[in-house]
Amino acid sequence: MIDALFSDMERLCGAGKVDKETSFYFSVDEVKKTVFLSPEGCRVVDGKATETADCVCKTSAAFLDRIWNQGYRPGVKDFLAGEIKSNNPAALQTLLAACGKA
């Protein structure tokens, strides 16, 4: 399920969706992925492919599926409850928008 979500992300976030490159490191249960979103498109790499990602996100596969496939948008209570953790929630919104999910 989670690999399909990241493949979908790579496919949907095509060229010309953003003005600058942003890196995202996802820790989703036991799965680790790095996403590079740039003006040229989106590239997903297994594991941690950068020392300092612009955005780090830690959540469960079920919660990420809810966001990606069901249109749920986390609120402050989700972050406070630890359902999702991120150092840059605004960048996550940018990623969703670039993929047509916002």
C-alpha atoms as a PDB file:
ATOM      1  CA  MET A   1       0.000   0.000   0.000  1.00  0.00           C
ATOM      2  CA  ILE A   2       2.618   2.558   1.008  1.00  0.00           C
ATOM      3  CA  ASP A   3       4.846   1.851  -1.998  1.00  0.00           C
ATOM      4  CA  ALA A   4       1.842   2.406  -4.282  1.00  0.00           C
ATOM      5  CA  LEU A   5       1.170   5.735  -2.573  1.00  0.00           C
ATOM      6  CA  PHE A   6       4.722   6.941  -3.207  1.00  0.00           C
ATOM      7  CA  SER A   7       4.599   5.708  -6.825  1.00  0.00           C
ATOM      8  CA  ASP A   8       1.371   7.646  -7.224  1.00  0.00           C
ATOM      9  CA  MET A   9       3.071  10.715  -5.736  1.00  0.00           C
ATOM     10  CA  GLU A  10       5.933  10.468  -8.219  1.00  0.00           C
ATOM     11  CA  ARG A  11       3.508  10.126 -11.129  1.00  0.00           C
ATOM     12  CA  LEU A  12       1.153  12.942 -10.110  1.00  0.00           C
ATOM     13  CA  CYS A  13       3.746  15.565  -9.172  1.00  0.00           C
ATOM     14  CA  GLY A  14       4.961  16.333 -12.661  1.00  0.00           C
ATOM     15  CA  ALA A  15       7.162  19.081 -14.044  1.00  0.00           C
ATOM     16  CA  GLY A  16       6.278  22.717 -13.568  1.00  0.00           C
ATOM     17  CA  LYS A  17       4.341  22.332 -10.313  1.00  0.00           C
ATOM     18  CA  VAL A  18       6.808  24.181  -8.049  1.00  0.00           C
ATOM     19  CA  ASP A  19       9.407  26.926  -8.415  1.00  0.00           C
ATOM     20  CA  LYS A  20      12.211  25.498  -6.279  1.00  0.00           C
ATOM     21  CA  GLU A  21      13.515  22.114  -5.149  1.00  0.00           C
ATOM     22  CA  THR A  22      12.332  20.851  -1.778  1.00  0.00           C
ATOM     23  CA  SER A  23      13.349  17.588  -0.138  1.00  0.00           C
ATOM     24  CA  PHE A  24      11.071  15.544   2.107  1.00  0.00           C
ATOM     25  CA  TYR A  25      12.059  12.668   4.364  1.00  0.00           C
ATOM     26  CA  PHE A  26       9.188  10.366   5.287  1.00  0.00           C
ATOM     27  CA  SER A  27       9.273   7.843   8.101  1.00  0.00           C
ATOM     28  CA  VAL A  28       6.061   5.868   7.724  1.00  0.00           C
ATOM     29  CA  ASP A  29       5.967   2.984  10.175  1.00  0.00           C
ATOM     30  CA  GLU A  30       9.019   0.949   9.100  1.00  0.00           C
ATOM     31  CA  VAL A  31       9.221   2.479   5.599  1.00  0.00           C
ATOM     32  CA  LYS A  32      11.688   5.304   4.964  1.00  0.00           C
ATOM     33  CA  LYS A  33      11.495   7.369   1.762  1.00  0.00           C
ATOM     34  CA  THR A  34      13.028  10.590   0.492  1.00  0.00           C
ATOM     35  CA  VAL A  35      11.025  12.684  -1.950  1.00  0.00           C
ATOM     36  CA  PHE A  36      12.639  15.362  -4.097  1.00  0.00           C
ATOM     37  CA  LEU A  37      10.116  17.811  -5.518  1.00  0.00           C
ATOM     38  CA  SER A  38      11.546  20.240  -8.089  1.00  0.00           C
ATOM     39  CA  PRO A  39      10.479  22.248 -11.143  1.00  0.00           C
ATOM     40  CA  GLU A  40      11.497  19.197 -13.214  1.00  0.00           C
ATOM     41  CA  GLY A  41       9.134  16.850 -11.347  1.00  0.00           C
ATOM     42  CA  CYS A  42       9.105  14.478  -8.420  1.00  0.00           C
ATOM     43  CA  ARG A  43      11.540  11.696  -7.575  1.00  0.00           C
ATOM     44  CA  VAL A  44      11.126   9.172  -4.760  1.00  0.00           C
ATOM     45  CA  VAL A  45      14.141   7.332  -3.341  1.00  0.00           C
ATOM     46  CA  ASP A  46      14.145   4.498  -0.809  1.00  0.00           C
ATOM     47  CA  GLY A  47      15.715   5.361   2.520  1.00  0.00           C
ATOM     48  CA  LYS A  48      17.282   8.579   3.705  1.00  0.00           C
ATOM     49  CA  ALA A  49      18.916  10.130   0.634  1.00  0.00           C
ATOM     50  CA  THR A  50      19.812  13.500   2.144  1.00  0.00           C
ATOM     51  CA  GLU A  51      21.340  14.523   5.447  1.00  0.00           C
ATOM     52  CA  THR A  52      19.143  17.588   5.888  1.00  0.00           C
ATOM     53  CA  ALA A  53      15.710  17.345   4.330  1.00  0.00           C
ATOM     54  CA  ASP A  54      13.727  20.557   4.074  1.00  0.00           C
ATOM     55  CA  CYS A  55      10.767  18.718   5.578  1.00  0.00           C
ATOM     56  CA  VAL A  56      10.686  15.658   7.815  1.00  0.00           C
ATOM     57  CA  CYS A  57       7.417  13.803   8.322  1.00  0.00           C
ATOM     58  CA  LYS A  58       6.745  10.896  10.645  1.00  0.00           C
ATOM     59  CA  THR A  59       3.378   9.165  10.695  1.00  0.00           C
ATOM     60  CA  SER A  60       1.684   5.798  10.262  1.00  0.00           C
ATOM     61  CA  ALA A  61       0.785   4.204   6.941  1.00  0.00           C
ATOM     62  CA  ALA A  62      -2.899   4.326   7.887  1.00  0.00           C
ATOM     63  CA  PHE A  63      -2.764   8.059   8.629  1.00  0.00           C
ATOM     64  CA  LEU A  64      -0.823   8.877   5.453  1.00  0.00           C
ATOM     65  CA  ASP A  65      -3.313   6.811   3.450  1.00  0.00           C
ATOM     66  CA  ARG A  66      -6.125   8.823   5.028  1.00  0.00           C
ATOM     67  CA  ILE A  67      -4.430  12.059   3.938  1.00  0.00           C
ATOM     68  CA  TRP A  68      -3.499  10.896   0.429  1.00  0.00           C
ATOM     69  CA  ASN A  69      -6.491   8.789  -0.582  1.00  0.00           C
ATOM     70  CA  GLN A  70      -9.336  10.133   1.540  1.00  0.00           C
ATOM     71  CA  GLY A  71      -8.580  13.852   1.439  1.00  0.00           C
ATOM     72  CA  TYR A  72      -8.148  14.249   5.193  1.00  0.00           C
ATOM     73  CA  ARG A  73      -6.183  17.336   6.197  1.00  0.00           C
ATOM     74  CA  PRO A  74      -4.443  17.131   9.574  1.00  0.00           C
ATOM     75  CA  GLY A  75      -5.122  19.875  12.055  1.00  0.00           C
ATOM     76  CA  VAL A  76      -3.292  21.130  15.099  1.00  0.00           C
ATOM     77  CA  LYS A  77      -4.857  18.413  17.261  1.00  0.00           C
ATOM     78  CA  ASP A  78      -3.366  15.700  15.009  1.00  0.00           C
ATOM     79  CA  PHE A  79       0.112  17.205  15.429  1.00  0.00           C
ATOM     80  CA  LEU A  80      -0.353  17.674  19.184  1.00  0.00           C
ATOM     81  CA  ALA A  81      -1.608  14.097  19.560  1.00  0.00           C
ATOM     82  CA  GLY A  82       1.419  12.769  17.656  1.00  0.00           C
ATOM     83  CA  GLU A  83      -0.616  11.269  14.802  1.00  0.00           C
ATOM     84  CA  ILE A  84       1.720  13.130  12.492  1.00  0.00           C
ATOM     85  CA  LYS A  85       4.985  14.922  13.246  1.00  0.00           C
ATOM     86  CA  SER A  86       6.742  17.401  10.990  1.00  0.00           C
ATOM     87  CA  ASN A  87       9.258  20.190  11.212  1.00  0.00           C
ATOM     88  CA  ASN A  88       7.599  21.957   8.251  1.00  0.00           C
ATOM     89  CA  PRO A  89       3.825  21.388   7.873  1.00  0.00           C
ATOM     90  CA  ALA A  90       3.600  24.147   5.238  1.00  0.00           C
ATOM     91  CA  ALA A  91       5.934  22.169   2.962  1.00  0.00           C
ATOM     92  CA  LEU A  92       3.657  19.135   3.283  1.00  0.00           C
ATOM     93  CA  GLN A  93       0.791  21.312   2.062  1.00  0.00           C
ATOM     94  CA  THR A  94       2.933  22.394  -0.898  1.00  0.00           C
ATOM     95  CA  LEU A  95       3.617  18.746  -1.759  1.00  0.00           C
ATOM     96  CA  LEU A  96      -0.076  17.876  -1.628  1.00  0.00           C
ATOM     97  CA  ALA A  97      -0.925  20.859  -3.828  1.00  0.00           C
ATOM     98  CA  ALA A  98       1.786  19.964  -6.364  1.00  0.00           C
ATOM     99  CA  CYS A  99       0.295  16.473  -6.608  1.00  0.00           C
ATOM    100  CA  GLY A 100      -3.248  17.788  -7.035  1.00  0.00           C
ATOM    101  CA  LYS A 101      -4.293  16.550  -3.612  1.00  0.00           C
ATOM    102  CA  ALA A 102      -4.974  19.906  -1.911  1.00  0.00           C
END
